[in-house]
N, C-alpha and C. Protein backbone atom coordinates (compact mmCIF):
# COMPACT_ATOMS: atom_id res chain seq x y z
N MET A 1 56.69 -153.69 -120.24
CA MET A 1 57.07 -155.07 -120.06
C MET A 1 57.56 -155.60 -121.41
N ASP A 2 58.61 -156.38 -121.36
CA ASP A 2 59.14 -156.84 -122.63
C ASP A 2 59.44 -158.34 -122.67
N GLY A 3 58.95 -159.09 -121.73
CA GLY A 3 59.20 -160.52 -121.76
C GLY A 3 58.06 -161.31 -121.16
N SER A 4 57.95 -162.55 -121.57
CA SER A 4 56.85 -163.39 -121.10
C SER A 4 56.88 -163.60 -119.60
N ASP A 5 58.08 -163.66 -119.01
CA ASP A 5 58.16 -163.80 -117.54
C ASP A 5 57.50 -162.61 -116.85
N GLU A 6 57.72 -161.41 -117.37
CA GLU A 6 57.11 -160.22 -116.78
C GLU A 6 55.61 -160.22 -117.01
N TRP A 7 55.14 -160.69 -118.16
CA TRP A 7 53.71 -160.74 -118.43
C TRP A 7 53.02 -161.68 -117.46
N ILE A 8 53.62 -162.85 -117.23
CA ILE A 8 52.98 -163.80 -116.33
C ILE A 8 53.06 -163.32 -114.89
N ASP A 9 54.15 -162.65 -114.51
CA ASP A 9 54.23 -162.08 -113.16
C ASP A 9 53.11 -161.07 -112.94
N ALA A 10 52.88 -160.20 -113.93
CA ALA A 10 51.80 -159.22 -113.83
C ALA A 10 50.44 -159.92 -113.80
N ALA A 11 50.29 -160.97 -114.59
CA ALA A 11 49.03 -161.72 -114.61
C ALA A 11 48.73 -162.34 -113.25
N VAL A 12 49.76 -162.87 -112.59
CA VAL A 12 49.57 -163.48 -111.26
C VAL A 12 49.09 -162.43 -110.26
N VAL A 13 49.68 -161.25 -110.29
CA VAL A 13 49.25 -160.17 -109.39
C VAL A 13 47.80 -159.79 -109.69
N LEU A 14 47.48 -159.55 -110.96
CA LEU A 14 46.14 -159.14 -111.33
C LEU A 14 45.11 -160.25 -111.12
N GLN A 15 45.53 -161.50 -111.19
CA GLN A 15 44.65 -162.64 -110.92
C GLN A 15 44.07 -162.55 -109.51
N HIS A 16 44.80 -161.91 -108.61
CA HIS A 16 44.36 -161.75 -107.22
C HIS A 16 43.84 -160.34 -106.95
N GLY A 17 43.34 -159.70 -108.00
CA GLY A 17 42.81 -158.35 -107.90
C GLY A 17 41.42 -158.32 -107.27
N THR A 18 40.71 -157.22 -107.49
CA THR A 18 39.42 -157.02 -106.83
C THR A 18 38.24 -156.84 -107.77
N CYS A 19 38.48 -156.82 -109.08
CA CYS A 19 37.37 -156.50 -109.98
C CYS A 19 37.56 -157.17 -111.34
N PRO A 20 36.50 -157.25 -112.13
CA PRO A 20 36.59 -157.88 -113.45
C PRO A 20 37.68 -157.29 -114.35
N GLU A 21 37.92 -155.99 -114.24
CA GLU A 21 38.95 -155.37 -115.08
C GLU A 21 40.33 -155.95 -114.78
N HIS A 22 40.61 -156.21 -113.50
CA HIS A 22 41.88 -156.84 -113.13
C HIS A 22 41.98 -158.23 -113.73
N PHE A 23 40.90 -159.01 -113.61
CA PHE A 23 40.91 -160.39 -114.07
C PHE A 23 41.01 -160.46 -115.60
N GLU A 24 40.35 -159.52 -116.28
CA GLU A 24 40.44 -159.49 -117.74
C GLU A 24 41.87 -159.24 -118.20
N LEU A 25 42.52 -158.25 -117.59
CA LEU A 25 43.89 -157.95 -117.98
C LEU A 25 44.82 -159.11 -117.62
N ALA A 26 44.58 -159.77 -116.49
CA ALA A 26 45.37 -160.96 -116.12
C ALA A 26 45.24 -162.03 -117.19
N SER A 27 44.02 -162.25 -117.64
CA SER A 27 43.79 -163.27 -118.67
C SER A 27 44.51 -162.93 -119.96
N ARG A 28 44.42 -161.69 -120.37
CA ARG A 28 45.05 -161.27 -121.62
C ARG A 28 46.58 -161.35 -121.53
N LEU A 29 47.14 -160.99 -120.40
CA LEU A 29 48.59 -161.09 -120.22
C LEU A 29 49.05 -162.55 -120.20
N ALA A 30 48.27 -163.42 -119.57
CA ALA A 30 48.63 -164.84 -119.55
C ALA A 30 48.60 -165.44 -120.95
N VAL A 31 47.61 -165.05 -121.74
CA VAL A 31 47.54 -165.53 -123.12
C VAL A 31 48.74 -165.02 -123.92
N ALA A 32 49.13 -163.77 -123.70
CA ALA A 32 50.29 -163.24 -124.41
C ALA A 32 51.55 -164.00 -124.03
N ALA A 33 51.64 -164.46 -122.78
CA ALA A 33 52.83 -165.17 -122.31
C ALA A 33 52.88 -166.61 -122.79
N ILE A 34 51.77 -167.15 -123.27
CA ILE A 34 51.73 -168.56 -123.63
C ILE A 34 52.67 -168.89 -124.79
N ASP A 35 53.02 -167.92 -125.60
CA ASP A 35 53.95 -168.17 -126.71
C ASP A 35 55.39 -168.29 -126.25
N SER A 36 55.64 -168.07 -124.99
CA SER A 36 57.01 -168.13 -124.47
C SER A 36 57.57 -169.54 -124.55
N THR A 37 58.82 -169.64 -124.94
CA THR A 37 59.50 -170.93 -124.89
C THR A 37 60.16 -171.12 -123.53
N GLU A 38 60.15 -170.07 -122.71
CA GLU A 38 60.80 -170.10 -121.41
C GLU A 38 59.95 -170.75 -120.33
N MET A 39 58.64 -170.74 -120.50
CA MET A 39 57.77 -171.22 -119.43
C MET A 39 56.45 -171.69 -120.01
N ASP A 40 55.70 -172.42 -119.21
CA ASP A 40 54.37 -172.87 -119.60
C ASP A 40 53.35 -172.03 -118.84
N ALA A 41 52.69 -171.14 -119.54
CA ALA A 41 51.72 -170.24 -118.93
C ALA A 41 50.30 -170.76 -119.03
N SER A 42 50.11 -171.96 -119.57
CA SER A 42 48.76 -172.44 -119.85
C SER A 42 47.89 -172.56 -118.60
N GLU A 43 48.47 -172.93 -117.46
CA GLU A 43 47.66 -173.02 -116.23
C GLU A 43 47.15 -171.64 -115.83
N TRP A 44 47.98 -170.61 -115.98
CA TRP A 44 47.54 -169.25 -115.65
C TRP A 44 46.50 -168.76 -116.64
N VAL A 45 46.57 -169.21 -117.88
CA VAL A 45 45.54 -168.86 -118.86
C VAL A 45 44.20 -169.39 -118.38
N ARG A 46 44.18 -170.65 -117.98
CA ARG A 46 42.92 -171.26 -117.52
C ARG A 46 42.41 -170.60 -116.24
N LEU A 47 43.29 -170.41 -115.26
CA LEU A 47 42.89 -169.80 -113.99
C LEU A 47 42.35 -168.39 -114.17
N SER A 48 43.09 -167.58 -114.90
CA SER A 48 42.70 -166.18 -115.04
C SER A 48 41.44 -166.02 -115.89
N TYR A 49 41.29 -166.85 -116.93
CA TYR A 49 40.09 -166.75 -117.76
C TYR A 49 38.85 -167.13 -116.95
N ASP A 50 38.93 -168.24 -116.21
CA ASP A 50 37.78 -168.65 -115.40
C ASP A 50 37.44 -167.62 -114.34
N ARG A 51 38.44 -167.05 -113.68
CA ARG A 51 38.16 -166.05 -112.65
C ARG A 51 37.48 -164.83 -113.27
N TRP A 52 37.95 -164.40 -114.43
CA TRP A 52 37.35 -163.27 -115.14
C TRP A 52 35.89 -163.57 -115.45
N GLN A 53 35.60 -164.77 -115.99
CA GLN A 53 34.23 -165.10 -116.35
C GLN A 53 33.33 -165.17 -115.12
N VAL A 54 33.79 -165.80 -114.05
CA VAL A 54 33.00 -165.88 -112.82
C VAL A 54 32.72 -164.48 -112.28
N SER A 55 33.71 -163.58 -112.37
CA SER A 55 33.52 -162.22 -111.86
C SER A 55 32.43 -161.48 -112.63
N LEU A 56 32.17 -161.91 -113.86
CA LEU A 56 31.12 -161.30 -114.68
C LEU A 56 29.79 -162.03 -114.57
N GLY A 57 29.76 -163.11 -113.76
CA GLY A 57 28.54 -163.90 -113.64
C GLY A 57 28.37 -164.90 -114.78
N GLU A 58 29.41 -165.15 -115.52
CA GLU A 58 29.39 -166.09 -116.65
C GLU A 58 29.91 -167.45 -116.19
N PRO A 59 29.60 -168.52 -116.93
CA PRO A 59 30.11 -169.84 -116.56
C PRO A 59 31.61 -169.98 -116.81
N GLN A 60 32.24 -170.83 -116.03
CA GLN A 60 33.65 -171.13 -116.23
C GLN A 60 33.83 -171.98 -117.48
N ARG A 61 34.98 -171.87 -118.08
CA ARG A 61 35.30 -172.70 -119.24
C ARG A 61 36.12 -173.92 -118.82
N TYR A 62 37.00 -173.76 -117.84
CA TYR A 62 37.93 -174.82 -117.46
C TYR A 62 37.66 -175.41 -116.08
N GLY A 63 36.73 -174.84 -115.32
CA GLY A 63 36.38 -175.36 -114.01
C GLY A 63 37.47 -175.22 -112.95
N THR A 64 38.18 -174.10 -112.98
CA THR A 64 39.29 -173.90 -112.04
C THR A 64 38.92 -173.14 -110.79
N GLN A 65 37.74 -172.53 -110.75
CA GLN A 65 37.35 -171.68 -109.62
C GLN A 65 36.31 -172.39 -108.77
N SER A 66 36.50 -172.35 -107.44
CA SER A 66 35.54 -173.01 -106.55
C SER A 66 34.31 -172.14 -106.31
N GLY A 67 34.44 -170.83 -106.42
CA GLY A 67 33.31 -169.94 -106.22
C GLY A 67 32.59 -169.65 -107.52
N THR A 68 31.32 -169.33 -107.40
CA THR A 68 30.55 -168.99 -108.59
C THR A 68 29.82 -167.66 -108.43
N VAL A 69 30.20 -166.88 -107.42
CA VAL A 69 29.55 -165.61 -107.16
C VAL A 69 30.27 -164.51 -107.93
N PRO A 70 29.52 -163.72 -108.72
CA PRO A 70 30.16 -162.62 -109.43
C PRO A 70 30.83 -161.65 -108.47
N VAL A 71 31.92 -161.08 -108.90
CA VAL A 71 32.64 -160.08 -108.11
C VAL A 71 32.15 -158.71 -108.54
N ASN A 72 31.54 -158.01 -107.61
CA ASN A 72 31.06 -156.67 -107.91
C ASN A 72 31.78 -155.64 -107.05
N ALA A 73 33.03 -155.95 -106.72
CA ALA A 73 33.80 -155.07 -105.85
C ALA A 73 34.27 -153.84 -106.62
N GLU A 74 34.49 -152.79 -105.85
CA GLU A 74 35.10 -151.60 -106.44
C GLU A 74 36.51 -151.96 -106.86
N CYS A 75 36.96 -151.40 -107.93
CA CYS A 75 38.26 -151.74 -108.49
C CYS A 75 39.37 -151.00 -107.75
N HIS A 76 40.05 -151.71 -106.83
CA HIS A 76 41.18 -151.15 -106.09
C HIS A 76 42.42 -151.91 -106.52
N LEU A 77 43.35 -151.39 -106.88
CA LEU A 77 43.62 -150.15 -107.55
C LEU A 77 43.06 -150.22 -108.95
N PRO A 78 42.47 -149.13 -109.43
CA PRO A 78 41.89 -149.17 -110.77
C PRO A 78 42.98 -149.32 -111.82
N ILE A 79 42.61 -149.94 -112.92
CA ILE A 79 43.52 -150.04 -114.06
C ILE A 79 43.71 -148.62 -114.60
N PRO A 80 44.96 -148.17 -114.77
CA PRO A 80 45.18 -146.82 -115.31
C PRO A 80 44.49 -146.66 -116.66
N THR A 81 43.95 -145.49 -116.90
CA THR A 81 43.24 -145.25 -118.15
C THR A 81 44.16 -145.37 -119.36
N SER A 82 45.46 -145.28 -119.14
CA SER A 82 46.40 -145.42 -120.25
C SER A 82 46.55 -146.87 -120.71
N ILE A 83 46.02 -147.83 -119.91
CA ILE A 83 46.09 -149.25 -120.28
C ILE A 83 44.71 -149.69 -120.72
N ASN A 84 44.60 -150.13 -121.95
CA ASN A 84 43.35 -150.65 -122.48
C ASN A 84 43.42 -152.16 -122.37
N ALA A 85 42.51 -152.77 -121.61
CA ALA A 85 42.56 -154.21 -121.40
C ALA A 85 42.38 -155.00 -122.68
N SER A 86 41.83 -154.38 -123.72
CA SER A 86 41.70 -155.10 -124.99
C SER A 86 42.99 -155.03 -125.80
N GLU A 87 44.00 -154.35 -125.28
CA GLU A 87 45.30 -154.31 -125.92
C GLU A 87 46.33 -154.87 -124.95
N VAL A 88 47.20 -155.71 -125.43
CA VAL A 88 48.26 -156.27 -124.59
C VAL A 88 49.55 -156.24 -125.36
N VAL A 89 50.63 -156.47 -124.66
CA VAL A 89 51.92 -156.57 -125.32
C VAL A 89 51.91 -157.85 -126.14
N THR A 90 52.20 -157.75 -127.41
CA THR A 90 52.22 -158.93 -128.26
C THR A 90 53.53 -159.67 -128.07
N THR A 91 53.62 -160.84 -128.64
CA THR A 91 54.82 -161.64 -128.50
C THR A 91 56.03 -160.99 -129.14
N SER A 92 55.81 -160.03 -130.03
CA SER A 92 56.94 -159.32 -130.62
C SER A 92 57.40 -158.16 -129.74
N GLY A 93 56.67 -157.90 -128.65
CA GLY A 93 57.06 -156.86 -127.71
C GLY A 93 56.42 -155.51 -127.97
N SER A 94 55.58 -155.40 -128.98
CA SER A 94 54.94 -154.12 -129.26
C SER A 94 53.48 -154.18 -128.82
N MET A 95 52.89 -153.01 -128.63
CA MET A 95 51.49 -152.97 -128.24
C MET A 95 50.64 -153.32 -129.45
N GLY A 96 49.57 -154.04 -129.22
CA GLY A 96 48.70 -154.40 -130.33
C GLY A 96 47.41 -155.00 -129.82
N ARG A 97 46.52 -155.33 -130.73
CA ARG A 97 45.27 -155.97 -130.36
C ARG A 97 45.56 -157.35 -129.80
N TYR A 98 44.62 -157.90 -129.09
CA TYR A 98 44.72 -159.22 -128.48
C TYR A 98 45.26 -160.20 -129.52
N PRO A 99 46.50 -160.67 -129.37
CA PRO A 99 47.20 -161.30 -130.48
C PRO A 99 46.94 -162.78 -130.71
N ILE A 100 46.35 -163.47 -129.76
CA ILE A 100 46.28 -164.92 -129.86
C ILE A 100 44.83 -165.37 -129.72
N SER A 101 44.38 -166.22 -130.59
CA SER A 101 42.99 -166.69 -130.49
C SER A 101 42.90 -167.80 -129.46
N TRP A 102 41.70 -167.99 -128.88
CA TRP A 102 41.51 -169.06 -127.91
C TRP A 102 41.73 -170.41 -128.56
N ALA A 103 41.48 -170.54 -129.86
CA ALA A 103 41.74 -171.81 -130.54
C ALA A 103 43.22 -172.16 -130.46
N ASN A 104 44.09 -171.16 -130.60
CA ASN A 104 45.53 -171.40 -130.48
C ASN A 104 45.90 -171.80 -129.06
N VAL A 105 45.30 -171.16 -128.07
CA VAL A 105 45.57 -171.50 -126.68
C VAL A 105 45.17 -172.94 -126.42
N GLU A 106 43.97 -173.32 -126.86
CA GLU A 106 43.49 -174.67 -126.62
C GLU A 106 44.32 -175.70 -127.37
N ALA A 107 44.78 -175.36 -128.56
CA ALA A 107 45.63 -176.28 -129.31
C ALA A 107 46.92 -176.55 -128.54
N ARG A 108 47.47 -175.51 -127.92
CA ARG A 108 48.69 -175.68 -127.13
C ARG A 108 48.42 -176.51 -125.88
N ASN A 109 47.19 -176.43 -125.37
CA ASN A 109 46.83 -177.19 -124.17
C ASN A 109 46.34 -178.60 -124.50
N GLY A 110 46.25 -178.92 -125.80
CA GLY A 110 45.77 -180.24 -126.20
C GLY A 110 44.28 -180.40 -126.02
N GLU A 111 43.53 -179.30 -126.09
CA GLU A 111 42.09 -179.33 -125.89
C GLU A 111 41.39 -179.08 -127.21
N ALA A 112 40.24 -179.67 -127.38
CA ALA A 112 39.43 -179.43 -128.58
C ALA A 112 38.50 -178.26 -128.34
N GLN A 113 38.20 -177.55 -129.38
CA GLN A 113 37.27 -176.42 -129.30
C GLN A 113 35.86 -176.93 -129.13
């Protein structure tokens, strides 16, 4: 993937996945897309992060999910082992560590830490 539109498209699909690994990757892709000047990905950042946290039995940060039951489903389709959820495509288009801090995301959303 080489553009923020593709990152957010993938995040939307993974947001509707079956396991925490899907939701984590959705969250990371949405955060990577937030630097795009083409679109506003901040709503997907909030949605995917909260879904990921709820799936782990953790509290929501933004209050976007109506359910609070952890997801313990088998991961269908599993994330390929060649994709490490702690690594995402950076805004420069290369693979790298999670490139954007939550403080930067919240600053873009006008939220205080």
